[in-house]
Structures are given as C-alpha cells and as structure tokens.
Amino acid sequence: MVLDRDNRVLLFKAFQDNTRARHFWITPGGGVAVGESATDALRRELAEECGLVAADIGPLIWVREHVFPMPHSGEATRQRERFYLVRVEQHDVDVSGWDDFERNFMGEHRWWTASEVQTSDDEFAPHRLGHFLADLVAGNIPSEPVDTGI
C-alpha cells in the first residue's frame, strides 16, 4: 500500500484476460521467491514494478486470500496477499523494469485518493479498498493485520 505525502495510493490497472475488456485496480507487489522474505519480495517488486528503490517498508496492515483464474491461461490459482504500509513523499513511477507478464497483465498507473476509490465504478483488489484506505489515511493503522476479505 504505497501512500504519498497527500495520502494518495498508487494503483495499477490490471486486465482480466487477453481481450483487455475488463480491468481492475491493484497495488504493486507480487510473488515471493523461494528463500525470499515477504519484505524482501516487496522491495524487489516495488523496484521492478514502479522503480521505487528507497522505500521504508512499514507494518503489515492487511491480509487476504483470493482464488482467481490467471490472466491469459485461465488456470485457477490461490493467492495469499500481505499488504504493508509504504510511505513516500512523492514518486515518479518507472515501469521500465516490467517483464513480459507485467506488460501483458498491467496497464496504466495512477495515484488515487480514498474518496476517488470510494466513488469510482471501477473494481479494486481488495474489493472494499475504499473503505480500508479511508480508515488508513484517517490514521487508523491496525496493530494486527486486518483480513480484507476478497
């Protein structure tokens, strides 16, 4: 959950399949490699997906488990997600580190306010992102990770 000094969250447009007809918005992040800690994976993913290399990883704030079809293959996968709070003053996103999967799966990026997320007709992951984000920017940082549901 990368938040800038104006409490905007960085999200990427992700596409459901090759047609790019259906999209949803996701936070930067990704899989944990064998032997890699969750925070080391997050640092690597932040560098690869948005060029953010000097980020301080804050607390684990949310978790969720989600089963979904993988884009482009349709195979079901179970994903356990951890959301850490990452604060930056500002950041110009650099997507030059994207691999082929990221170039096919993701599109534009955008900084969103909590109210923009809450009033948007777009889909977000997690689905209730606006609710959880509003709580977070109000200063309610959970002492234990909150399960966000799907």
N, C-alpha and C. Protein backbone atom coordinates (compact mmCIF):
# COMPACT_ATOMS: atom_id res chain seq x y z
N MET A 1 0.85 -1.15 0.00
CA MET A 1 0.00 0.00 0.00
C MET A 1 0.90 1.22 0.00
N VAL A 2 1.27 1.70 -1.17
CA VAL A 2 2.18 2.84 -1.28
C VAL A 2 1.35 4.12 -1.21
N LEU A 3 1.56 4.89 -0.15
CA LEU A 3 0.87 6.16 0.03
C LEU A 3 1.87 7.31 -0.06
N ASP A 4 1.48 8.36 -0.80
CA ASP A 4 2.35 9.53 -0.90
C ASP A 4 2.00 10.54 0.19
N ARG A 5 2.68 11.67 0.18
CA ARG A 5 2.50 12.68 1.23
C ARG A 5 1.09 13.25 1.26
N ASP A 6 0.34 13.12 0.15
CA ASP A 6 -1.04 13.60 0.08
C ASP A 6 -2.05 12.47 0.37
N ASN A 7 -1.56 11.36 0.92
CA ASN A 7 -2.38 10.19 1.24
C ASN A 7 -3.07 9.58 0.03
N ARG A 8 -2.41 9.69 -1.12
CA ARG A 8 -2.92 9.01 -2.32
C ARG A 8 -2.22 7.67 -2.43
N VAL A 9 -2.97 6.69 -2.92
CA VAL A 9 -2.44 5.33 -3.05
C VAL A 9 -2.08 5.08 -4.51
N LEU A 10 -0.96 4.40 -4.72
CA LEU A 10 -0.52 4.03 -6.06
C LEU A 10 -1.19 2.73 -6.47
N LEU A 11 -1.91 2.75 -7.59
CA LEU A 11 -2.59 1.57 -8.11
C LEU A 11 -2.27 1.39 -9.58
N PHE A 12 -2.29 0.13 -10.01
CA PHE A 12 -2.07 -0.23 -11.40
C PHE A 12 -3.32 -0.87 -11.97
N LYS A 13 -3.63 -0.53 -13.20
CA LYS A 13 -4.75 -1.16 -13.90
C LYS A 13 -4.29 -2.55 -14.33
N ALA A 14 -5.07 -3.55 -13.95
CA ALA A 14 -4.77 -4.94 -14.32
C ALA A 14 -5.91 -5.46 -15.18
N PHE A 15 -5.58 -6.28 -16.17
CA PHE A 15 -6.58 -6.79 -17.10
C PHE A 15 -6.92 -8.23 -16.80
N GLN A 16 -8.21 -8.54 -16.91
CA GLN A 16 -8.72 -9.87 -16.60
C GLN A 16 -8.21 -10.93 -17.58
N ASP A 17 -8.09 -10.57 -18.86
CA ASP A 17 -7.66 -11.55 -19.87
C ASP A 17 -7.04 -10.82 -21.07
N ASN A 18 -6.74 -11.59 -22.10
CA ASN A 18 -6.07 -11.03 -23.29
C ASN A 18 -6.90 -9.98 -24.02
N THR A 19 -8.21 -10.00 -23.86
CA THR A 19 -9.05 -9.04 -24.59
C THR A 19 -8.91 -7.63 -24.03
N ARG A 20 -8.45 -7.54 -22.78
CA ARG A 20 -8.31 -6.26 -22.08
C ARG A 20 -9.64 -5.53 -21.95
N ALA A 21 -10.74 -6.27 -22.06
CA ALA A 21 -12.07 -5.68 -21.98
C ALA A 21 -12.46 -5.38 -20.53
N ARG A 22 -11.98 -6.18 -19.61
CA ARG A 22 -12.34 -6.00 -18.19
C ARG A 22 -11.07 -5.73 -17.40
N HIS A 23 -11.14 -4.73 -16.55
CA HIS A 23 -9.97 -4.39 -15.74
C HIS A 23 -10.37 -4.18 -14.28
N PHE A 24 -9.35 -4.15 -13.44
CA PHE A 24 -9.49 -3.81 -12.03
C PHE A 24 -8.18 -3.17 -11.60
N TRP A 25 -8.18 -2.52 -10.46
CA TRP A 25 -7.01 -1.79 -9.98
C TRP A 25 -6.38 -2.55 -8.82
N ILE A 26 -5.04 -2.66 -8.85
CA ILE A 26 -4.30 -3.41 -7.85
C ILE A 26 -3.13 -2.58 -7.31
N THR A 27 -2.65 -2.98 -6.16
CA THR A 27 -1.45 -2.36 -5.59
C THR A 27 -0.22 -3.01 -6.21
N PRO A 28 0.92 -2.34 -6.20
CA PRO A 28 2.15 -3.01 -6.65
C PRO A 28 2.49 -4.14 -5.69
N GLY A 29 3.14 -5.14 -6.21
CA GLY A 29 3.54 -6.29 -5.40
C GLY A 29 3.55 -7.53 -6.26
N GLY A 30 3.83 -8.65 -5.63
CA GLY A 30 3.86 -9.88 -6.40
C GLY A 30 4.33 -11.05 -5.56
N GLY A 31 4.71 -12.09 -6.24
CA GLY A 31 5.07 -13.34 -5.59
C GLY A 31 6.37 -13.28 -4.82
N VAL A 32 6.45 -14.17 -3.85
CA VAL A 32 7.65 -14.33 -3.03
C VAL A 32 8.44 -15.51 -3.58
N ALA A 33 9.69 -15.27 -3.95
CA ALA A 33 10.55 -16.34 -4.47
C ALA A 33 11.03 -17.25 -3.34
N VAL A 34 11.42 -18.45 -3.70
CA VAL A 34 11.95 -19.41 -2.73
C VAL A 34 13.15 -18.78 -2.01
N GLY A 35 13.12 -18.82 -0.69
CA GLY A 35 14.22 -18.27 0.11
C GLY A 35 14.14 -16.77 0.34
N GLU A 36 13.12 -16.13 -0.17
CA GLU A 36 12.97 -14.69 -0.05
C GLU A 36 11.95 -14.37 1.05
N SER A 37 12.22 -13.38 1.87
CA SER A 37 11.24 -12.96 2.87
C SER A 37 10.16 -12.13 2.19
N ALA A 38 9.03 -11.97 2.87
CA ALA A 38 7.93 -11.17 2.31
C ALA A 38 8.38 -9.73 2.08
N THR A 39 9.13 -9.16 3.01
CA THR A 39 9.55 -7.77 2.84
C THR A 39 10.63 -7.63 1.77
N ASP A 40 11.51 -8.63 1.63
CA ASP A 40 12.49 -8.60 0.54
C ASP A 40 11.78 -8.69 -0.81
N ALA A 41 10.74 -9.53 -0.89
CA ALA A 41 9.96 -9.65 -2.12
C ALA A 41 9.29 -8.33 -2.44
N LEU A 42 8.75 -7.67 -1.43
CA LEU A 42 8.10 -6.38 -1.65
C LEU A 42 9.10 -5.35 -2.16
N ARG A 43 10.27 -5.29 -1.57
CA ARG A 43 11.29 -4.35 -2.05
C ARG A 43 11.64 -4.62 -3.52
N ARG A 44 11.81 -5.91 -3.85
CA ARG A 44 12.12 -6.27 -5.24
C ARG A 44 10.98 -5.87 -6.17
N GLU A 45 9.75 -6.19 -5.78
CA GLU A 45 8.59 -5.88 -6.63
C GLU A 45 8.40 -4.36 -6.79
N LEU A 46 8.60 -3.60 -5.73
CA LEU A 46 8.49 -2.15 -5.85
C LEU A 46 9.52 -1.59 -6.82
N ALA A 47 10.73 -2.13 -6.79
CA ALA A 47 11.77 -1.69 -7.73
C ALA A 47 11.40 -2.08 -9.16
N GLU A 48 10.94 -3.34 -9.35
CA GLU A 48 10.62 -3.82 -10.69
C GLU A 48 9.37 -3.16 -11.27
N GLU A 49 8.34 -3.04 -10.47
CA GLU A 49 7.05 -2.58 -11.00
C GLU A 49 6.90 -1.07 -11.07
N CYS A 50 7.58 -0.34 -10.19
CA CYS A 50 7.38 1.11 -10.24
C CYS A 50 8.65 1.92 -10.03
N GLY A 51 9.82 1.25 -10.01
CA GLY A 51 11.08 1.98 -9.89
C GLY A 51 11.32 2.58 -8.52
N LEU A 52 10.63 2.09 -7.52
CA LEU A 52 10.76 2.61 -6.16
C LEU A 52 11.80 1.77 -5.42
N VAL A 53 12.98 2.36 -5.18
CA VAL A 53 14.08 1.58 -4.59
C VAL A 53 14.46 2.01 -3.18
N ALA A 54 14.04 3.17 -2.76
CA ALA A 54 14.44 3.66 -1.43
C ALA A 54 13.25 3.77 -0.50
N ALA A 55 12.40 2.76 -0.51
CA ALA A 55 11.19 2.80 0.31
C ALA A 55 11.41 2.13 1.65
N ASP A 56 10.88 2.75 2.69
CA ASP A 56 10.87 2.12 4.01
C ASP A 56 9.59 1.29 4.10
N ILE A 57 9.75 0.01 4.37
CA ILE A 57 8.60 -0.88 4.49
C ILE A 57 8.04 -0.75 5.90
N GLY A 58 6.79 -0.34 5.97
CA GLY A 58 6.14 -0.18 7.26
C GLY A 58 5.47 -1.46 7.72
N PRO A 59 4.48 -1.32 8.59
CA PRO A 59 3.85 -2.51 9.18
C PRO A 59 2.96 -3.27 8.19
N LEU A 60 2.78 -4.55 8.49
CA LEU A 60 1.81 -5.38 7.78
C LEU A 60 0.44 -4.94 8.27
N ILE A 61 -0.40 -4.42 7.35
CA ILE A 61 -1.67 -3.85 7.77
C ILE A 61 -2.89 -4.70 7.38
N TRP A 62 -2.81 -5.40 6.25
CA TRP A 62 -3.95 -6.17 5.77
C TRP A 62 -3.47 -7.50 5.21
N VAL A 63 -4.37 -8.46 5.19
CA VAL A 63 -4.13 -9.74 4.52
C VAL A 63 -5.40 -10.13 3.78
N ARG A 64 -5.26 -10.97 2.78
CA ARG A 64 -6.42 -11.55 2.12
C ARG A 64 -5.98 -12.80 1.37
N GLU A 65 -6.93 -13.70 1.17
CA GLU A 65 -6.70 -14.88 0.36
C GLU A 65 -7.71 -14.85 -0.76
N HIS A 66 -7.23 -15.10 -1.96
CA HIS A 66 -8.08 -14.96 -3.13
C HIS A 66 -7.78 -16.08 -4.12
N VAL A 67 -8.83 -16.68 -4.67
CA VAL A 67 -8.69 -17.68 -5.72
C VAL A 67 -9.23 -17.06 -7.00
N PHE A 68 -8.43 -17.12 -8.06
CA PHE A 68 -8.83 -16.48 -9.31
C PHE A 68 -8.16 -17.17 -10.49
N PRO A 69 -8.75 -17.00 -11.70
CA PRO A 69 -8.10 -17.54 -12.89
C PRO A 69 -6.93 -16.64 -13.29
N MET A 70 -5.84 -17.25 -13.66
CA MET A 70 -4.68 -16.47 -14.12
C MET A 70 -4.99 -15.86 -15.48
N PRO A 71 -4.63 -14.59 -15.66
CA PRO A 71 -4.81 -13.98 -16.97
C PRO A 71 -4.06 -14.79 -18.03
N HIS A 72 -4.62 -14.88 -19.17
CA HIS A 72 -4.01 -15.48 -20.35
C HIS A 72 -4.00 -17.02 -20.34
N SER A 73 -4.15 -17.67 -19.16
CA SER A 73 -4.17 -19.13 -19.15
C SER A 73 -5.50 -19.66 -18.63
N GLY A 74 -6.16 -18.90 -17.76
CA GLY A 74 -7.42 -19.33 -17.19
C GLY A 74 -7.29 -20.33 -16.06
N GLU A 75 -6.08 -20.77 -15.75
CA GLU A 75 -5.88 -21.73 -14.67
C GLU A 75 -6.12 -21.05 -13.32
N ALA A 76 -6.82 -21.76 -12.43
CA ALA A 76 -7.11 -21.21 -11.10
C ALA A 76 -5.85 -21.21 -10.24
N THR A 77 -5.68 -20.15 -9.49
CA THR A 77 -4.56 -20.07 -8.56
C THR A 77 -5.05 -19.46 -7.25
N ARG A 78 -4.46 -19.91 -6.17
CA ARG A 78 -4.77 -19.37 -4.84
C ARG A 78 -3.64 -18.43 -4.46
N GLN A 79 -4.02 -17.24 -4.08
CA GLN A 79 -3.02 -16.24 -3.74
C GLN A 79 -3.28 -15.73 -2.33
N ARG A 80 -2.27 -15.76 -1.51
CA ARG A 80 -2.33 -15.17 -0.17
C ARG A 80 -1.57 -13.85 -0.24
N GLU A 81 -2.27 -12.79 0.04
CA GLU A 81 -1.68 -11.47 -0.10
C GLU A 81 -1.43 -10.82 1.25
N ARG A 82 -0.32 -10.10 1.34
CA ARG A 82 0.03 -9.30 2.50
C ARG A 82 0.18 -7.86 2.02
N PHE A 83 -0.43 -6.94 2.72
CA PHE A 83 -0.35 -5.53 2.38
C PHE A 83 0.42 -4.81 3.47
N TYR A 84 1.55 -4.25 3.10
CA TYR A 84 2.37 -3.46 4.01
C TYR A 84 2.16 -1.99 3.70
N LEU A 85 2.25 -1.15 4.71
CA LEU A 85 2.17 0.29 4.52
C LEU A 85 3.54 0.80 4.12
N VAL A 86 3.60 1.47 2.97
CA VAL A 86 4.84 2.05 2.47
C VAL A 86 4.56 3.53 2.22
N ARG A 87 5.28 4.39 2.90
CA ARG A 87 5.09 5.83 2.76
C ARG A 87 6.21 6.42 1.91
N VAL A 88 5.84 7.32 0.99
CA VAL A 88 6.80 8.07 0.19
C VAL A 88 6.36 9.53 0.16
N GLU A 89 7.31 10.42 0.02
CA GLU A 89 6.95 11.83 -0.15
C GLU A 89 6.20 12.00 -1.47
N GLN A 90 6.89 11.59 -2.51
CA GLN A 90 6.32 11.56 -3.86
C GLN A 90 7.15 10.57 -4.65
N HIS A 91 6.61 10.13 -5.78
CA HIS A 91 7.37 9.18 -6.58
C HIS A 91 6.88 9.23 -8.02
N ASP A 92 7.82 9.37 -8.95
CA ASP A 92 7.52 9.27 -10.37
C ASP A 92 7.69 7.81 -10.77
N VAL A 93 6.61 7.19 -11.12
CA VAL A 93 6.61 5.75 -11.42
C VAL A 93 7.43 5.48 -12.67
N ASP A 94 8.27 4.45 -12.58
CA ASP A 94 9.11 4.00 -13.69
C ASP A 94 8.78 2.54 -13.95
N VAL A 95 8.20 2.23 -15.11
CA VAL A 95 7.79 0.86 -15.43
C VAL A 95 8.79 0.16 -16.36
N SER A 96 9.98 0.70 -16.48
CA SER A 96 10.97 0.11 -17.38
C SER A 96 11.44 -1.28 -16.92
N GLY A 97 11.19 -1.62 -15.66
CA GLY A 97 11.59 -2.93 -15.15
C GLY A 97 10.56 -4.02 -15.36
N TRP A 98 9.47 -3.71 -16.04
CA TRP A 98 8.41 -4.71 -16.26
C TRP A 98 8.90 -5.84 -17.14
N ASP A 99 8.49 -7.06 -16.79
CA ASP A 99 8.76 -8.23 -17.64
C ASP A 99 7.56 -8.43 -18.58
N ASP A 100 7.60 -9.47 -19.40
CA ASP A 100 6.52 -9.71 -20.37
C ASP A 100 5.18 -9.91 -19.70
N PHE A 101 5.14 -10.64 -18.57
CA PHE A 101 3.89 -10.85 -17.86
C PHE A 101 3.28 -9.52 -17.43
N GLU A 102 4.09 -8.66 -16.82
CA GLU A 102 3.59 -7.37 -16.35
C GLU A 102 3.13 -6.48 -17.50
N ARG A 103 3.86 -6.51 -18.62
CA ARG A 103 3.45 -5.70 -19.77
C ARG A 103 2.11 -6.18 -20.34
N ASN A 104 1.83 -7.49 -20.27
CA ASN A 104 0.56 -8.03 -20.77
C ASN A 104 -0.58 -7.89 -19.77
N PHE A 105 -0.27 -8.01 -18.49
CA PHE A 105 -1.28 -8.05 -17.43
C PHE A 105 -1.67 -6.66 -16.96
N MET A 106 -0.72 -5.72 -16.95
CA MET A 106 -0.99 -4.41 -16.36
C MET A 106 -0.94 -3.31 -17.42
N GLY A 107 -1.64 -2.24 -17.10
CA GLY A 107 -1.67 -1.08 -17.98
C GLY A 107 -1.20 0.15 -17.22
N GLU A 108 -1.98 1.19 -17.31
CA GLU A 108 -1.60 2.46 -16.70
C GLU A 108 -1.52 2.38 -15.18
N HIS A 109 -0.88 3.36 -14.60
CA HIS A 109 -0.84 3.51 -13.15
C HIS A 109 -1.45 4.86 -12.81
N ARG A 110 -1.86 4.99 -11.56
CA ARG A 110 -2.50 6.22 -11.13
C ARG A 110 -2.41 6.34 -9.62
N TRP A 111 -2.29 7.56 -9.14
CA TRP A 111 -2.37 7.86 -7.71
C TRP A 111 -3.82 8.23 -7.41
N TRP A 112 -4.44 7.53 -6.47
CA TRP A 112 -5.85 7.71 -6.12
C TRP A 112 -6.00 8.21 -4.69
N THR A 113 -6.98 9.10 -4.47
CA THR A 113 -7.36 9.45 -3.10
C THR A 113 -8.38 8.41 -2.62
N ALA A 114 -8.57 8.35 -1.32
CA ALA A 114 -9.56 7.41 -0.77
C ALA A 114 -10.95 7.72 -1.31
N SER A 115 -11.30 9.00 -1.41
CA SER A 115 -12.64 9.35 -1.91
C SER A 115 -12.80 9.00 -3.38
N GLU A 116 -11.74 9.10 -4.17
CA GLU A 116 -11.82 8.69 -5.58
C GLU A 116 -12.07 7.20 -5.69
N VAL A 117 -11.39 6.42 -4.86
CA VAL A 117 -11.61 4.97 -4.87
C VAL A 117 -13.05 4.66 -4.46
N GLN A 118 -13.51 5.32 -3.40
CA GLN A 118 -14.85 5.06 -2.88
C GLN A 118 -15.95 5.41 -3.88
N THR A 119 -15.75 6.42 -4.70
CA THR A 119 -16.81 6.86 -5.61
C THR A 119 -16.65 6.31 -7.03
N SER A 120 -15.59 5.58 -7.28
CA SER A 120 -15.35 5.03 -8.62
C SER A 120 -16.25 3.83 -8.89
N ASP A 121 -16.62 3.66 -10.16
CA ASP A 121 -17.35 2.47 -10.59
C ASP A 121 -16.41 1.33 -10.97
N ASP A 122 -15.10 1.59 -10.96
CA ASP A 122 -14.12 0.56 -11.28
C ASP A 122 -14.06 -0.48 -10.16
N GLU A 123 -13.44 -1.62 -10.48
CA GLU A 123 -13.22 -2.66 -9.48
C GLU A 123 -11.82 -2.51 -8.90
N PHE A 124 -11.69 -2.90 -7.64
CA PHE A 124 -10.42 -2.80 -6.93
C PHE A 124 -10.14 -4.12 -6.22
N ALA A 125 -8.87 -4.39 -5.99
CA ALA A 125 -8.49 -5.55 -5.19
C ALA A 125 -7.63 -5.04 -4.04
N PRO A 126 -8.11 -5.24 -2.80
CA PRO A 126 -9.35 -5.92 -2.42
C PRO A 126 -10.59 -5.09 -2.78
N HIS A 127 -11.73 -5.78 -2.85
CA HIS A 127 -12.96 -5.14 -3.31
C HIS A 127 -13.36 -3.93 -2.46
N ARG A 128 -13.14 -3.99 -1.18
CA ARG A 128 -13.52 -2.89 -0.28
C ARG A 128 -12.32 -1.96 0.00
N LEU A 129 -11.47 -1.79 -0.99
CA LEU A 129 -10.28 -0.97 -0.82
C LEU A 129 -10.62 0.43 -0.32
N GLY A 130 -11.64 1.06 -0.88
CA GLY A 130 -12.00 2.42 -0.46
C GLY A 130 -12.27 2.52 1.02
N HIS A 131 -12.97 1.55 1.56
CA HIS A 131 -13.29 1.52 2.99
C HIS A 131 -12.01 1.40 3.82
N PHE A 132 -11.19 0.43 3.49
CA PHE A 132 -9.96 0.20 4.26
C PHE A 132 -8.97 1.35 4.09
N LEU A 133 -8.90 1.91 2.89
CA LEU A 133 -7.99 3.03 2.64
C LEU A 133 -8.42 4.27 3.42
N ALA A 134 -9.71 4.57 3.45
CA ALA A 134 -10.20 5.73 4.21
C ALA A 134 -9.83 5.60 5.68
N ASP A 135 -9.96 4.41 6.23
CA ASP A 135 -9.60 4.17 7.62
C ASP A 135 -8.10 4.39 7.82
N LEU A 136 -7.31 3.92 6.88
CA LEU A 136 -5.86 4.03 6.97
C LEU A 136 -5.41 5.49 6.92
N VAL A 137 -5.92 6.27 5.98
CA VAL A 137 -5.48 7.66 5.86
C VAL A 137 -6.02 8.53 6.99
N ALA A 138 -7.04 8.04 7.69
CA ALA A 138 -7.53 8.74 8.88
C ALA A 138 -6.62 8.49 10.08
N GLY A 139 -5.56 7.67 9.87
CA GLY A 139 -4.60 7.43 10.93
C GLY A 139 -4.84 6.15 11.71
N ASN A 140 -5.82 5.36 11.29
CA ASN A 140 -6.13 4.12 11.99
C ASN A 140 -5.31 2.97 11.42
N ILE A 141 -4.08 2.87 11.89
CA ILE A 141 -3.17 1.82 11.44
C ILE A 141 -3.35 0.64 12.39
N PRO A 142 -3.78 -0.50 11.85
CA PRO A 142 -4.07 -1.64 12.73
C PRO A 142 -2.81 -2.19 13.40
N SER A 143 -2.96 -2.62 14.65
CA SER A 143 -1.83 -3.21 15.37
C SER A 143 -1.61 -4.66 14.95
N GLU A 144 -2.65 -5.29 14.44
CA GLU A 144 -2.59 -6.64 13.87
C GLU A 144 -3.18 -6.57 12.47
N PRO A 145 -2.69 -7.37 11.51
CA PRO A 145 -3.21 -7.31 10.15
C PRO A 145 -4.72 -7.61 10.10
N VAL A 146 -5.45 -6.81 9.33
CA VAL A 146 -6.89 -6.96 9.14
C VAL A 146 -7.13 -7.81 7.89
N ASP A 147 -8.03 -8.78 8.00
CA ASP A 147 -8.43 -9.58 6.82
C ASP A 147 -9.41 -8.75 6.02
N THR A 148 -9.05 -8.40 4.80
CA THR A 148 -9.88 -7.53 3.97
C THR A 148 -10.96 -8.30 3.21
N GLY A 149 -10.97 -9.61 3.31
CA GLY A 149 -11.92 -10.40 2.50
C GLY A 149 -11.45 -10.43 1.07
N ILE A 150 -12.37 -10.68 0.17
CA ILE A 150 -11.99 -10.83 -1.24
C ILE A 150 -11.63 -9.51 -1.89
